[in-house]
Amino acid sequence: MNPGDFQIAIVENGLATAEELIGITSSDIENLEKLFSVQLPDSYKSFLLFCENNMEMLGSTPILYYPEIINLRDSFDNLIEDELKITTPENSFIFYSFDELIFDFFICNGNPDPVMYRVVEGKNNIESRGSTFTDYFFRLIETCDKSKSNDAFKYY
């Protein structure tokens, strides 16, 4: 995967123009890695660098973009503490939430394009999504309804 592939896919699917897509800085990525004591995978870093600050185009409810992702770990930990009897693997990075009921994450283990996992409120297990971050992201783009200005994201 080339770093700009995420940007190209968003533009080709009519979700934004290249000019509208703004990534975060390398410094922001380093700060995320320090804050969570992880080495983020290359595929996720590419996503962050090229289009992270504009991910609200995927809808108004999902939390997928910076800096909002910083608070996801706390929300997730509260869900686990209050309701679920599971633990996430060491070095897991929560990068997505839907209404703080569904949390998606990957494990920062040196894999440049890691497998995705999901935890859903009310279920006491961790589901493997069976796809890599790159596959996951492209499915998100493909499920967006470009005709709607709000809530364009169709959850897959």
N, C-alpha and C. Protein backbone atom coordinates (compact mmCIF):
# COMPACT_ATOMS: atom_id res chain seq x y z
N MET A 1 0.84 -1.19 0.00
CA MET A 1 0.00 0.00 0.00
C MET A 1 0.88 1.24 0.00
N ASN A 2 0.56 2.15 -0.86
CA ASN A 2 1.24 3.44 -0.89
C ASN A 2 0.54 4.38 0.09
N PRO A 3 1.30 5.27 0.73
CA PRO A 3 0.70 6.15 1.73
C PRO A 3 -0.50 6.96 1.24
N GLY A 4 -0.52 7.34 -0.01
CA GLY A 4 -1.62 8.16 -0.53
C GLY A 4 -2.84 7.38 -0.97
N ASP A 5 -2.81 6.04 -0.88
CA ASP A 5 -3.94 5.22 -1.34
C ASP A 5 -5.23 5.52 -0.60
N PHE A 6 -5.15 5.83 0.68
CA PHE A 6 -6.34 6.17 1.43
C PHE A 6 -6.98 7.44 0.85
N GLN A 7 -6.16 8.43 0.59
CA GLN A 7 -6.63 9.69 0.04
C GLN A 7 -7.26 9.46 -1.34
N ILE A 8 -6.59 8.69 -2.18
CA ILE A 8 -7.11 8.41 -3.52
C ILE A 8 -8.47 7.74 -3.45
N ALA A 9 -8.62 6.78 -2.56
CA ALA A 9 -9.89 6.06 -2.44
C ALA A 9 -11.02 6.99 -2.01
N ILE A 10 -10.75 7.88 -1.09
CA ILE A 10 -11.78 8.82 -0.63
C ILE A 10 -12.19 9.75 -1.77
N VAL A 11 -11.22 10.25 -2.51
CA VAL A 11 -11.51 11.16 -3.63
C VAL A 11 -12.26 10.41 -4.72
N GLU A 12 -11.80 9.22 -5.09
CA GLU A 12 -12.44 8.45 -6.16
C GLU A 12 -13.87 8.05 -5.80
N ASN A 13 -14.16 7.89 -4.53
CA ASN A 13 -15.51 7.54 -4.11
C ASN A 13 -16.40 8.77 -3.89
N GLY A 14 -15.87 9.94 -4.21
CA GLY A 14 -16.66 11.16 -4.16
C GLY A 14 -16.97 11.66 -2.76
N LEU A 15 -16.19 11.25 -1.78
CA LEU A 15 -16.46 11.66 -0.40
C LEU A 15 -15.80 12.98 -0.04
N ALA A 16 -14.78 13.36 -0.76
CA ALA A 16 -14.07 14.62 -0.52
C ALA A 16 -13.16 14.89 -1.70
N THR A 17 -12.72 16.11 -1.81
CA THR A 17 -11.71 16.44 -2.81
C THR A 17 -10.33 16.32 -2.15
N ALA A 18 -9.31 16.23 -2.94
CA ALA A 18 -7.95 16.14 -2.40
C ALA A 18 -7.64 17.36 -1.53
N GLU A 19 -8.16 18.51 -1.93
CA GLU A 19 -7.90 19.73 -1.18
C GLU A 19 -8.58 19.71 0.19
N GLU A 20 -9.67 18.98 0.31
CA GLU A 20 -10.39 18.91 1.58
C GLU A 20 -9.74 17.97 2.59
N LEU A 21 -8.92 17.08 2.11
CA LEU A 21 -8.32 16.08 3.00
C LEU A 21 -7.06 16.63 3.65
N ILE A 22 -7.06 16.58 4.95
CA ILE A 22 -5.94 17.10 5.72
C ILE A 22 -5.52 16.03 6.72
N GLY A 23 -4.29 15.67 6.70
CA GLY A 23 -3.79 14.70 7.66
C GLY A 23 -3.27 15.38 8.91
N ILE A 24 -2.90 14.56 9.86
CA ILE A 24 -2.25 15.10 11.05
C ILE A 24 -0.75 15.08 10.80
N THR A 25 0.00 15.68 11.66
CA THR A 25 1.44 15.78 11.47
C THR A 25 2.16 14.56 12.03
N SER A 26 3.38 14.37 11.60
CA SER A 26 4.22 13.30 12.15
C SER A 26 4.40 13.49 13.65
N SER A 27 4.47 14.74 14.06
CA SER A 27 4.58 15.06 15.49
C SER A 27 3.35 14.59 16.26
N ASP A 28 2.15 14.79 15.68
CA ASP A 28 0.92 14.30 16.30
C ASP A 28 0.95 12.78 16.45
N ILE A 29 1.44 12.11 15.43
CA ILE A 29 1.53 10.64 15.48
C ILE A 29 2.50 10.22 16.58
N GLU A 30 3.64 10.88 16.65
CA GLU A 30 4.60 10.57 17.72
C GLU A 30 3.98 10.79 19.09
N ASN A 31 3.19 11.84 19.22
CA ASN A 31 2.52 12.11 20.50
C ASN A 31 1.52 11.01 20.85
N LEU A 32 0.77 10.53 19.86
CA LEU A 32 -0.16 9.42 20.09
C LEU A 32 0.60 8.18 20.57
N GLU A 33 1.71 7.90 19.89
CA GLU A 33 2.50 6.72 20.25
C GLU A 33 3.05 6.83 21.66
N LYS A 34 3.49 8.00 22.02
CA LYS A 34 4.00 8.21 23.39
C LYS A 34 2.88 8.11 24.41
N LEU A 35 1.76 8.74 24.11
CA LEU A 35 0.63 8.74 25.04
C LEU A 35 0.15 7.33 25.36
N PHE A 36 0.10 6.47 24.34
CA PHE A 36 -0.42 5.11 24.54
C PHE A 36 0.69 4.06 24.64
N SER A 37 1.94 4.49 24.59
CA SER A 37 3.09 3.58 24.68
C SER A 37 3.02 2.44 23.67
N VAL A 38 2.76 2.81 22.42
CA VAL A 38 2.69 1.83 21.33
C VAL A 38 3.45 2.37 20.12
N GLN A 39 3.78 1.46 19.23
CA GLN A 39 4.31 1.82 17.91
C GLN A 39 3.17 1.52 16.92
N LEU A 40 2.53 2.57 16.41
CA LEU A 40 1.40 2.39 15.52
C LEU A 40 1.83 1.74 14.21
N PRO A 41 0.95 0.92 13.62
CA PRO A 41 1.29 0.26 12.36
C PRO A 41 1.38 1.24 11.19
N ASP A 42 2.19 0.88 10.21
CA ASP A 42 2.41 1.76 9.06
C ASP A 42 1.11 2.11 8.33
N SER A 43 0.20 1.14 8.17
CA SER A 43 -1.04 1.42 7.45
C SER A 43 -1.85 2.49 8.18
N TYR A 44 -1.91 2.42 9.49
CA TYR A 44 -2.67 3.41 10.26
C TYR A 44 -1.98 4.78 10.21
N LYS A 45 -0.66 4.78 10.27
CA LYS A 45 0.07 6.04 10.17
C LYS A 45 -0.19 6.71 8.82
N SER A 46 -0.23 5.91 7.74
CA SER A 46 -0.52 6.47 6.42
C SER A 46 -1.90 7.12 6.39
N PHE A 47 -2.86 6.43 6.97
CA PHE A 47 -4.21 6.98 7.08
C PHE A 47 -4.18 8.31 7.84
N LEU A 48 -3.50 8.34 8.98
CA LEU A 48 -3.43 9.55 9.78
C LEU A 48 -2.78 10.71 9.03
N LEU A 49 -1.72 10.41 8.30
CA LEU A 49 -0.97 11.46 7.60
C LEU A 49 -1.74 12.08 6.44
N PHE A 50 -2.61 11.30 5.80
CA PHE A 50 -3.24 11.79 4.59
C PHE A 50 -4.68 12.24 4.73
N CYS A 51 -5.38 11.77 5.72
CA CYS A 51 -6.80 12.15 5.73
C CYS A 51 -7.46 12.15 7.10
N GLU A 52 -6.74 11.99 8.14
CA GLU A 52 -7.33 11.84 9.46
C GLU A 52 -8.21 13.00 9.91
N ASN A 53 -7.80 14.21 9.69
CA ASN A 53 -8.55 15.35 10.24
C ASN A 53 -9.89 15.60 9.55
N ASN A 54 -10.24 14.84 8.54
CA ASN A 54 -11.49 15.05 7.83
C ASN A 54 -12.41 13.85 7.89
N MET A 55 -12.24 12.97 8.84
CA MET A 55 -13.03 11.75 8.82
C MET A 55 -14.46 11.94 9.28
N GLU A 56 -14.84 13.14 9.66
CA GLU A 56 -16.24 13.36 9.97
C GLU A 56 -17.12 13.17 8.74
N MET A 57 -16.51 13.13 7.55
CA MET A 57 -17.28 12.89 6.33
C MET A 57 -17.88 11.49 6.32
N LEU A 58 -17.39 10.61 7.18
CA LEU A 58 -17.97 9.27 7.26
C LEU A 58 -19.20 9.26 8.15
N GLY A 59 -19.62 10.39 8.62
CA GLY A 59 -20.83 10.46 9.42
C GLY A 59 -20.58 11.23 10.70
N SER A 60 -21.65 11.62 11.35
CA SER A 60 -21.50 12.44 12.54
C SER A 60 -21.40 11.64 13.82
N THR A 61 -21.78 10.38 13.81
CA THR A 61 -21.79 9.60 15.04
C THR A 61 -20.49 8.86 15.29
N PRO A 62 -19.91 8.18 14.30
CA PRO A 62 -18.68 7.42 14.59
C PRO A 62 -17.54 8.32 15.04
N ILE A 63 -16.72 7.80 15.90
CA ILE A 63 -15.52 8.51 16.34
C ILE A 63 -14.34 7.78 15.73
N LEU A 64 -13.71 8.41 14.77
CA LEU A 64 -12.62 7.78 14.05
C LEU A 64 -11.47 8.76 13.86
N TYR A 65 -11.64 9.99 14.24
CA TYR A 65 -10.65 10.99 13.87
C TYR A 65 -9.98 11.64 15.07
N TYR A 66 -8.84 12.23 14.78
CA TYR A 66 -7.99 12.89 15.76
C TYR A 66 -8.49 14.30 15.99
N PRO A 67 -8.52 14.81 17.19
CA PRO A 67 -7.98 14.25 18.43
C PRO A 67 -8.98 13.43 19.25
N GLU A 68 -10.21 13.27 18.74
CA GLU A 68 -11.23 12.56 19.50
C GLU A 68 -10.82 11.14 19.88
N ILE A 69 -10.00 10.50 19.05
CA ILE A 69 -9.59 9.12 19.35
C ILE A 69 -8.81 9.02 20.66
N ILE A 70 -8.26 10.11 21.12
CA ILE A 70 -7.48 10.08 22.36
C ILE A 70 -8.35 9.63 23.54
N ASN A 71 -9.61 9.98 23.53
CA ASN A 71 -10.50 9.64 24.64
C ASN A 71 -11.15 8.26 24.53
N LEU A 72 -10.96 7.59 23.41
CA LEU A 72 -11.62 6.29 23.21
C LEU A 72 -11.18 5.24 24.22
N ARG A 73 -9.92 5.24 24.58
CA ARG A 73 -9.44 4.23 25.52
C ARG A 73 -10.17 4.33 26.85
N ASP A 74 -10.36 5.55 27.34
CA ASP A 74 -11.08 5.73 28.60
C ASP A 74 -12.52 5.25 28.49
N SER A 75 -13.19 5.59 27.38
CA SER A 75 -14.57 5.14 27.18
C SER A 75 -14.64 3.62 27.12
N PHE A 76 -13.70 3.04 26.43
CA PHE A 76 -13.65 1.58 26.31
C PHE A 76 -13.39 0.93 27.68
N ASP A 77 -12.42 1.46 28.40
CA ASP A 77 -12.11 0.91 29.72
C ASP A 77 -13.30 1.02 30.67
N ASN A 78 -14.07 2.11 30.56
CA ASN A 78 -15.27 2.26 31.39
C ASN A 78 -16.30 1.19 31.04
N LEU A 79 -16.46 0.90 29.76
CA LEU A 79 -17.40 -0.14 29.34
C LEU A 79 -16.97 -1.50 29.90
N ILE A 80 -15.70 -1.81 29.79
CA ILE A 80 -15.19 -3.08 30.29
C ILE A 80 -15.37 -3.17 31.80
N GLU A 81 -15.03 -2.09 32.49
CA GLU A 81 -15.13 -2.08 33.95
C GLU A 81 -16.57 -2.22 34.42
N ASP A 82 -17.49 -1.53 33.74
CA ASP A 82 -18.88 -1.51 34.17
C ASP A 82 -19.69 -2.72 33.74
N GLU A 83 -19.39 -3.29 32.56
CA GLU A 83 -20.29 -4.28 32.01
C GLU A 83 -19.66 -5.58 31.53
N LEU A 84 -18.47 -5.52 31.01
CA LEU A 84 -17.92 -6.70 30.34
C LEU A 84 -16.87 -7.40 31.18
N LYS A 85 -16.70 -8.65 30.93
CA LYS A 85 -15.72 -9.47 31.65
C LYS A 85 -14.61 -9.92 30.70
N ILE A 86 -14.03 -8.96 29.99
CA ILE A 86 -12.97 -9.28 29.05
C ILE A 86 -11.78 -8.36 29.29
N THR A 87 -10.66 -8.74 28.76
CA THR A 87 -9.49 -7.87 28.74
C THR A 87 -8.97 -7.83 27.31
N THR A 88 -8.48 -6.68 26.92
CA THR A 88 -7.92 -6.56 25.58
C THR A 88 -6.45 -6.95 25.64
N PRO A 89 -5.93 -7.41 24.52
CA PRO A 89 -4.51 -7.76 24.48
C PRO A 89 -3.62 -6.55 24.75
N GLU A 90 -2.45 -6.85 25.26
CA GLU A 90 -1.46 -5.81 25.48
C GLU A 90 -1.17 -5.11 24.15
N ASN A 91 -0.92 -3.84 24.20
CA ASN A 91 -0.61 -3.01 23.04
C ASN A 91 -1.78 -2.85 22.07
N SER A 92 -3.00 -3.04 22.55
CA SER A 92 -4.15 -2.80 21.68
C SER A 92 -4.38 -1.29 21.59
N PHE A 93 -4.82 -0.85 20.42
CA PHE A 93 -5.07 0.57 20.18
C PHE A 93 -6.50 0.73 19.68
N ILE A 94 -7.33 1.38 20.47
CA ILE A 94 -8.72 1.63 20.12
C ILE A 94 -8.75 2.84 19.20
N PHE A 95 -9.24 2.67 17.98
CA PHE A 95 -9.21 3.79 17.04
C PHE A 95 -10.59 4.16 16.52
N TYR A 96 -11.62 3.43 16.91
CA TYR A 96 -12.95 3.69 16.37
C TYR A 96 -14.01 3.34 17.41
N SER A 97 -15.04 4.17 17.46
CA SER A 97 -16.19 3.87 18.31
C SER A 97 -17.45 4.34 17.62
N PHE A 98 -18.50 3.56 17.79
CA PHE A 98 -19.81 3.94 17.31
C PHE A 98 -20.70 4.08 18.53
N ASP A 99 -21.04 5.31 18.88
CA ASP A 99 -21.90 5.62 20.03
C ASP A 99 -21.39 5.02 21.34
N GLU A 100 -20.12 4.79 21.44
CA GLU A 100 -19.51 4.17 22.62
C GLU A 100 -20.18 2.84 22.99
N LEU A 101 -20.72 2.17 21.96
CA LEU A 101 -21.31 0.85 22.12
C LEU A 101 -20.49 -0.20 21.39
N ILE A 102 -19.81 0.23 20.35
CA ILE A 102 -18.97 -0.65 19.53
C ILE A 102 -17.59 -0.01 19.48
N PHE A 103 -16.57 -0.82 19.72
CA PHE A 103 -15.19 -0.33 19.68
C PHE A 103 -14.38 -1.25 18.79
N ASP A 104 -13.63 -0.66 17.87
CA ASP A 104 -12.74 -1.43 17.01
C ASP A 104 -11.31 -1.09 17.36
N PHE A 105 -10.46 -2.10 17.30
CA PHE A 105 -9.06 -1.90 17.65
C PHE A 105 -8.17 -2.87 16.89
N PHE A 106 -6.90 -2.59 16.93
CA PHE A 106 -5.88 -3.49 16.42
C PHE A 106 -4.80 -3.60 17.47
N ILE A 107 -3.93 -4.57 17.29
CA ILE A 107 -2.83 -4.78 18.23
C ILE A 107 -1.56 -4.25 17.58
N CYS A 108 -0.86 -3.42 18.29
CA CYS A 108 0.39 -2.83 17.82
C CYS A 108 1.51 -3.81 18.15
N ASN A 109 1.78 -4.71 17.21
CA ASN A 109 2.76 -5.78 17.43
C ASN A 109 3.83 -5.83 16.34
N GLY A 110 3.98 -4.77 15.59
CA GLY A 110 4.98 -4.73 14.53
C GLY A 110 4.42 -5.07 13.16
N ASN A 111 3.19 -5.58 13.09
CA ASN A 111 2.57 -5.87 11.81
C ASN A 111 2.20 -4.54 11.14
N PRO A 112 2.67 -4.30 9.91
CA PRO A 112 2.39 -3.02 9.26
C PRO A 112 0.92 -2.82 8.89
N ASP A 113 0.15 -3.90 8.77
CA ASP A 113 -1.26 -3.81 8.43
C ASP A 113 -2.02 -4.85 9.28
N PRO A 114 -2.28 -4.51 10.54
CA PRO A 114 -2.78 -5.50 11.50
C PRO A 114 -4.23 -5.92 11.28
N VAL A 115 -4.55 -7.07 11.86
CA VAL A 115 -5.92 -7.59 11.86
C VAL A 115 -6.76 -6.73 12.80
N MET A 116 -8.02 -6.57 12.45
CA MET A 116 -8.94 -5.75 13.22
C MET A 116 -9.75 -6.61 14.19
N TYR A 117 -10.10 -6.01 15.33
CA TYR A 117 -10.91 -6.68 16.35
C TYR A 117 -12.02 -5.73 16.78
N ARG A 118 -13.08 -6.31 17.32
CA ARG A 118 -14.23 -5.52 17.75
C ARG A 118 -14.76 -6.02 19.09
N VAL A 119 -15.20 -5.06 19.91
CA VAL A 119 -15.91 -5.35 21.16
C VAL A 119 -17.23 -4.60 21.07
N VAL A 120 -18.31 -5.31 21.39
CA VAL A 120 -19.66 -4.74 21.33
C VAL A 120 -20.27 -4.81 22.72
N GLU A 121 -20.87 -3.70 23.13
CA GLU A 121 -21.53 -3.67 24.43
C GLU A 121 -22.55 -4.80 24.49
N GLY A 122 -22.58 -5.49 25.61
CA GLY A 122 -23.52 -6.58 25.80
C GLY A 122 -22.98 -7.94 25.41
N LYS A 123 -21.85 -7.95 24.74
CA LYS A 123 -21.21 -9.22 24.37
C LYS A 123 -19.91 -9.33 25.15
N ASN A 124 -19.68 -10.44 25.72
CA ASN A 124 -18.48 -10.64 26.54
C ASN A 124 -17.39 -11.37 25.76
N ASN A 125 -17.13 -10.89 24.56
CA ASN A 125 -16.06 -11.48 23.78
C ASN A 125 -15.44 -10.44 22.85
N ILE A 126 -14.30 -10.81 22.33
CA ILE A 126 -13.61 -10.00 21.34
C ILE A 126 -13.78 -10.71 20.01
N GLU A 127 -14.31 -10.01 19.02
CA GLU A 127 -14.52 -10.58 17.70
C GLU A 127 -13.37 -10.21 16.79
N SER A 128 -12.84 -11.18 16.08
CA SER A 128 -11.88 -10.88 15.02
C SER A 128 -12.68 -10.44 13.81
N ARG A 129 -12.29 -9.33 13.21
CA ARG A 129 -12.99 -8.84 12.02
C ARG A 129 -12.48 -9.56 10.78
N GLY A 130 -11.39 -10.31 10.91
CA GLY A 130 -10.88 -11.10 9.79
C GLY A 130 -10.33 -10.28 8.65
N SER A 131 -10.06 -9.03 8.90
CA SER A 131 -9.50 -8.21 7.84
C SER A 131 -8.43 -7.30 8.42
N THR A 132 -7.62 -6.76 7.55
CA THR A 132 -6.57 -5.85 7.98
C THR A 132 -7.15 -4.44 8.11
N PHE A 133 -6.37 -3.54 8.69
CA PHE A 133 -6.81 -2.16 8.79
C PHE A 133 -7.12 -1.59 7.41
N THR A 134 -6.27 -1.87 6.43
CA THR A 134 -6.49 -1.35 5.07
C THR A 134 -7.81 -1.85 4.50
N ASP A 135 -8.07 -3.15 4.61
CA ASP A 135 -9.34 -3.70 4.12
C ASP A 135 -10.52 -3.07 4.84
N TYR A 136 -10.39 -2.94 6.13
CA TYR A 136 -11.43 -2.34 6.98
C TYR A 136 -11.75 -0.92 6.49
N PHE A 137 -10.72 -0.12 6.29
CA PHE A 137 -10.91 1.25 5.87
C PHE A 137 -11.59 1.34 4.51
N PHE A 138 -11.16 0.51 3.56
CA PHE A 138 -11.77 0.54 2.24
C PHE A 138 -13.23 0.11 2.29
N ARG A 139 -13.57 -0.82 3.17
CA ARG A 139 -14.99 -1.18 3.35
C ARG A 139 -15.78 0.00 3.91
N LEU A 140 -15.18 0.74 4.83
CA LEU A 140 -15.86 1.93 5.35
C LEU A 140 -16.17 2.92 4.22
N ILE A 141 -15.21 3.16 3.39
CA ILE A 141 -15.39 4.10 2.28
C ILE A 141 -16.49 3.60 1.34
N GLU A 142 -16.46 2.32 1.03
CA GLU A 142 -17.44 1.75 0.10
C GLU A 142 -18.86 1.78 0.66
N THR A 143 -19.02 1.81 1.97
CA THR A 143 -20.36 1.80 2.55
C THR A 143 -20.91 3.19 2.82
N CYS A 144 -20.16 4.21 2.47
CA CYS A 144 -20.65 5.57 2.67
C CYS A 144 -21.68 5.92 1.61
N ASP A 145 -22.73 6.56 2.03
CA ASP A 145 -23.77 7.04 1.13
C ASP A 145 -23.43 8.48 0.79
N LYS A 146 -22.93 8.70 -0.40
CA LYS A 146 -22.46 10.02 -0.82
C LYS A 146 -23.60 11.02 -1.03
N SER A 147 -24.83 10.53 -1.07
CA SER A 147 -25.96 11.43 -1.32
C SER A 147 -26.43 12.14 -0.06
N LYS A 148 -25.95 11.74 1.10
CA LYS A 148 -26.38 12.34 2.36
C LYS A 148 -25.27 13.20 2.93
N SER A 149 -25.62 14.33 3.48
CA SER A 149 -24.59 15.19 4.06
C SER A 149 -24.28 14.81 5.50
N ASN A 150 -25.25 14.25 6.22
CA ASN A 150 -25.04 13.82 7.60
C ASN A 150 -25.30 12.33 7.70
N ASP A 151 -24.67 11.71 8.66
CA ASP A 151 -24.84 10.28 8.89
C ASP A 151 -24.64 9.47 7.62
N ALA A 152 -23.63 9.82 6.85
CA ALA A 152 -23.38 9.14 5.59
C ALA A 152 -22.84 7.74 5.77
N PHE A 153 -22.36 7.46 6.93
CA PHE A 153 -21.72 6.19 7.18
C PHE A 153 -22.74 5.08 7.40
N LYS A 154 -22.61 4.02 6.62
CA LYS A 154 -23.43 2.83 6.83
C LYS A 154 -22.52 1.81 7.52
N TYR A 155 -22.86 1.46 8.72
CA TYR A 155 -22.01 0.59 9.49
C TYR A 155 -22.00 -0.80 8.92
N TYR A 156 -20.82 -1.34 8.64
CA TYR A 156 -20.75 -2.68 8.05
C TYR A 156 -20.49 -3.73 9.09
